[in-house]
Amino acid sequence: MKSKKKIIKKRIKRAVKVRSSIKQGGWPRLSVFKSNKYIYAQIINDESGKTLAFASSSLVKKDKKNKTEEAKKVGITIGNKAKEAGIKKVVFDRGRYAYHGRVKSLAEGAREAGLEF
C-alpha cells in the first residue's frame, strides 16, 4: 500500500507538469478542481494573481441530474461570467485530472458560452 505522502507528491507532480506545458500568451487561465461532490472553475490572471471569475456546482441550481450535466452548467456559467468581465480567450488548465468526463463536460460548456481555448 502506498503511503499518503507518495500519493500527494505524485498528484502535485502531475499538476505541475500540466501547468508547465501550458503556453500562455498573456491570456488568463481557466483552472478546474473537482471533488467527489462538486466541481469548481475559476479564471485566474497569473500576472496579477487575482481571480477574475468563479463558478461551482454548489452555486449552480441543481435539477437532480448527474454530475456530468452539472459540470456542463458550471462551464456555461463560467463562460457567461467571463463575457461579463470582458474575457474572450483563456488557457484551459485541467490540473491533475484527465480530459474526460466532468472536466471535458465543463470545457464544452465553457465553449458553448463563447470562451475560446
Protein backbone atom coordinates (compact mmCIF):
# COMPACT_ATOMS: atom_id res chain seq x y z
CA MET A 1 0.00 0.00 0.00
CA LYS A 2 1.35 3.40 -0.98
CA SER A 3 1.87 5.99 1.68
CA LYS A 4 -0.23 9.13 1.62
CA LYS A 5 2.85 11.33 1.15
CA LYS A 6 3.81 9.49 -2.05
CA ILE A 7 0.30 9.84 -3.44
CA ILE A 8 0.22 13.57 -2.70
CA LYS A 9 3.67 14.05 -4.26
CA LYS A 10 2.51 12.32 -7.44
CA ARG A 11 -0.62 14.50 -7.60
CA ILE A 12 1.42 17.67 -7.23
CA LYS A 13 3.95 16.45 -9.81
CA ARG A 14 1.14 15.76 -12.31
CA ALA A 15 -0.45 19.18 -11.75
CA VAL A 16 2.88 20.99 -12.12
CA LYS A 17 3.64 19.02 -15.28
CA VAL A 18 0.33 20.02 -16.87
CA ARG A 19 0.67 23.65 -15.80
CA SER A 20 4.22 23.90 -17.16
CA SER A 21 3.10 22.61 -20.54
CA ILE A 22 0.53 25.39 -20.87
CA LYS A 23 1.81 28.01 -23.26
CA GLN A 24 0.42 31.30 -22.06
CA GLY A 25 0.19 34.18 -24.47
CA GLY A 26 -0.85 36.69 -21.83
CA TRP A 27 -4.28 35.09 -21.50
CA PRO A 28 -5.98 34.25 -18.22
CA ARG A 29 -6.08 30.63 -17.07
CA LEU A 30 -9.29 28.62 -16.64
CA SER A 31 -8.46 26.34 -13.74
CA VAL A 32 -10.56 23.29 -12.80
CA PHE A 33 -10.82 21.50 -9.46
CA LYS A 34 -13.14 18.61 -8.79
CA SER A 35 -14.04 16.91 -5.56
CA ASN A 36 -16.25 13.88 -5.10
CA LYS A 37 -19.29 16.09 -4.63
CA TYR A 38 -18.67 19.35 -6.56
CA ILE A 39 -16.68 20.79 -9.45
CA TYR A 40 -15.15 24.26 -9.38
CA ALA A 41 -13.85 26.53 -12.15
CA GLN A 42 -12.09 29.84 -11.88
CA ILE A 43 -10.44 32.21 -14.30
CA ILE A 44 -7.16 33.47 -12.91
CA ASN A 45 -4.89 36.26 -14.10
CA ASP A 46 -1.43 34.91 -13.26
CA GLU A 47 0.30 38.26 -13.82
CA SER A 48 -1.61 39.95 -11.01
CA GLY A 49 -2.52 36.76 -9.13
CA LYS A 50 -6.21 37.61 -8.97
CA THR A 51 -9.32 35.56 -9.66
CA LEU A 52 -11.44 37.22 -12.36
CA ALA A 53 -14.44 34.85 -12.39
CA PHE A 54 -15.60 31.87 -10.34
CA ALA A 55 -18.30 29.20 -10.65
CA SER A 56 -19.04 25.93 -8.89
CA SER A 57 -21.65 23.22 -8.91
CA SER A 58 -22.59 24.12 -5.35
CA LEU A 59 -23.74 27.55 -6.62
CA VAL A 60 -25.50 26.27 -9.75
CA LYS A 61 -29.17 25.33 -9.40
CA LYS A 62 -29.45 21.56 -9.22
CA ASP A 63 -32.15 19.67 -11.09
CA LYS A 64 -31.36 16.18 -9.76
CA LYS A 65 -29.14 15.44 -12.75
CA ASN A 66 -25.85 13.64 -12.86
CA LYS A 67 -22.51 15.27 -12.12
CA THR A 68 -21.50 15.49 -15.78
CA GLU A 69 -24.53 17.62 -16.64
CA GLU A 70 -23.88 19.79 -13.59
CA ALA A 71 -20.30 20.29 -14.80
CA LYS A 72 -21.63 21.47 -18.16
CA LYS A 73 -23.83 24.02 -16.36
CA VAL A 74 -20.76 25.22 -14.43
CA GLY A 75 -18.92 25.62 -17.75
CA ILE A 76 -21.75 27.68 -19.19
CA THR A 77 -21.87 29.79 -16.02
CA ILE A 78 -18.12 30.48 -16.05
CA GLY A 79 -18.34 31.34 -19.75
CA ASN A 80 -21.11 33.86 -19.13
CA LYS A 81 -19.23 35.41 -16.18
CA ALA A 82 -16.13 35.68 -18.36
CA LYS A 83 -18.13 37.52 -21.03
CA GLU A 84 -19.35 39.97 -18.39
CA ALA A 85 -15.73 40.54 -17.31
CA GLY A 86 -14.68 41.10 -20.93
CA ILE A 87 -12.69 37.87 -21.29
CA LYS A 88 -12.92 36.06 -24.62
CA LYS A 89 -9.84 33.85 -24.74
CA VAL A 90 -8.35 31.71 -21.96
CA VAL A 91 -5.89 28.86 -21.45
CA PHE A 92 -7.50 25.67 -20.12
CA ASP A 93 -5.76 24.22 -17.05
CA ARG A 94 -7.20 20.81 -16.24
CA GLY A 95 -4.86 20.39 -13.28
CA ARG A 96 -4.12 16.78 -12.42
CA TYR A 97 -7.32 15.46 -13.97
CA ALA A 98 -7.64 13.61 -17.26
CA TYR A 99 -9.60 15.36 -20.00
CA HIS A 100 -12.74 13.23 -19.92
CA GLY A 101 -15.99 13.03 -18.00
CA ARG A 102 -16.75 16.05 -15.86
CA VAL A 103 -13.67 18.02 -16.91
CA LYS A 104 -14.47 17.57 -20.61
CA SER A 105 -18.11 18.48 -19.99
CA LEU A 106 -17.10 21.68 -18.20
CA ALA A 107 -14.82 22.64 -21.10
CA GLU A 108 -17.58 22.00 -23.65
CA GLY A 109 -20.00 24.15 -21.63
CA ALA A 110 -17.49 27.00 -21.49
CA ARG A 111 -17.00 26.78 -25.26
CA GLU A 112 -20.78 26.87 -25.78
CA ALA A 113 -20.93 30.06 -23.75
CA GLY A 114 -18.37 31.68 -26.06
CA LEU A 115 -14.97 31.15 -24.43
CA GLU A 116 -12.10 30.30 -26.76
CA PHE A 117 -9.24 27.99 -25.79
